[in-house]
């Protein structure tokens, strides 16, 4: 009888781990289930595949991560289901859906936005700029051909050939300009090479301590800058934000980005500046101070956003640019 009891207990001990294991696995899998997350707001800055977005619900900044598997979609008419991640530029309003990771960031599975008018205008502007360059090159080639013919009769045939090539290039450029209305391209590139631009006007916008709300003086400065330079051909706007050294550096970095976003939003919604004219806005925190941070007056000068109206050096050579206003 004792031997039978021992054998029964042995069987029970062998069975218990097998019976418990599925429950433990189920509990582990349940604990590892990802939390869904969603945000709708405006992109303020971007570093590689990491994007900072200001939530339009509560004004907080959240980090959204995109990857090769993230579906990036432009909504509306002429929608494109799969777009390149370079379309996600600061100033763009997006909706991102995904899961929240251990750091509280959103790993995006899908990002959507609706900038159809923006995409059309950017494509047209880039095409027009390319056409102007082609026409100028063609005219230069034709002029050089005539000069060669006048300088040496023996090279007259070569000069005529060069001139003919120049006229043909000009005609091709004019045909390309006529096709601008249908030259809609995906917004996969953003003009950001500031070395190709020159500043024609600028203004400083100043903020209260620990604030990114535009003052009446700041709004007036932006209105004056835009209205005084409305006749500048092909202009772009650079926006750079700064803070004083008061407070932690990480907080000041986010504060400068919010000040930049506030200026960009005002220019788009109140000053009539289309988003495609704004180069990638950037916040620089407490770096590059305009004055020392030793007293309140100097710190007030550092709580600023610098706005510059810039124009392509190529377009400036072909156009009369309005004088910079004080």
Foldseek 3Di string as FASTA:
>chain_A
DVVVVVVVVVVVVVVVVVVCVVVVVVVVVVVPDFAKDKAWAFFLDDDVQWTWGQGPVPRDIAIEGEDPQAFEWEDDPVIDRHDDPLLRFGGFIKMFIATQDPVRHGHGNYIYGHDQVLQLVVQLLVLLVVLVVQLVVLVVQLVVLVVVCVVDVVCNVVSVVSNVVSVVSNVVSVVSNVCSNVRGDRSNDAPAPCVQKDFQAKDKFFDDPPDLDGDPVRLVRVLCQCVQFVVFPAKAKEKEFEAAPPDDQVSQQVSRSSNSNNVLVCCVPPNVDPNNRYGRYHYDGHPPQPAHNPDDVSRRSGRIMMMTIIHGPVVVVVDPGGHYDD
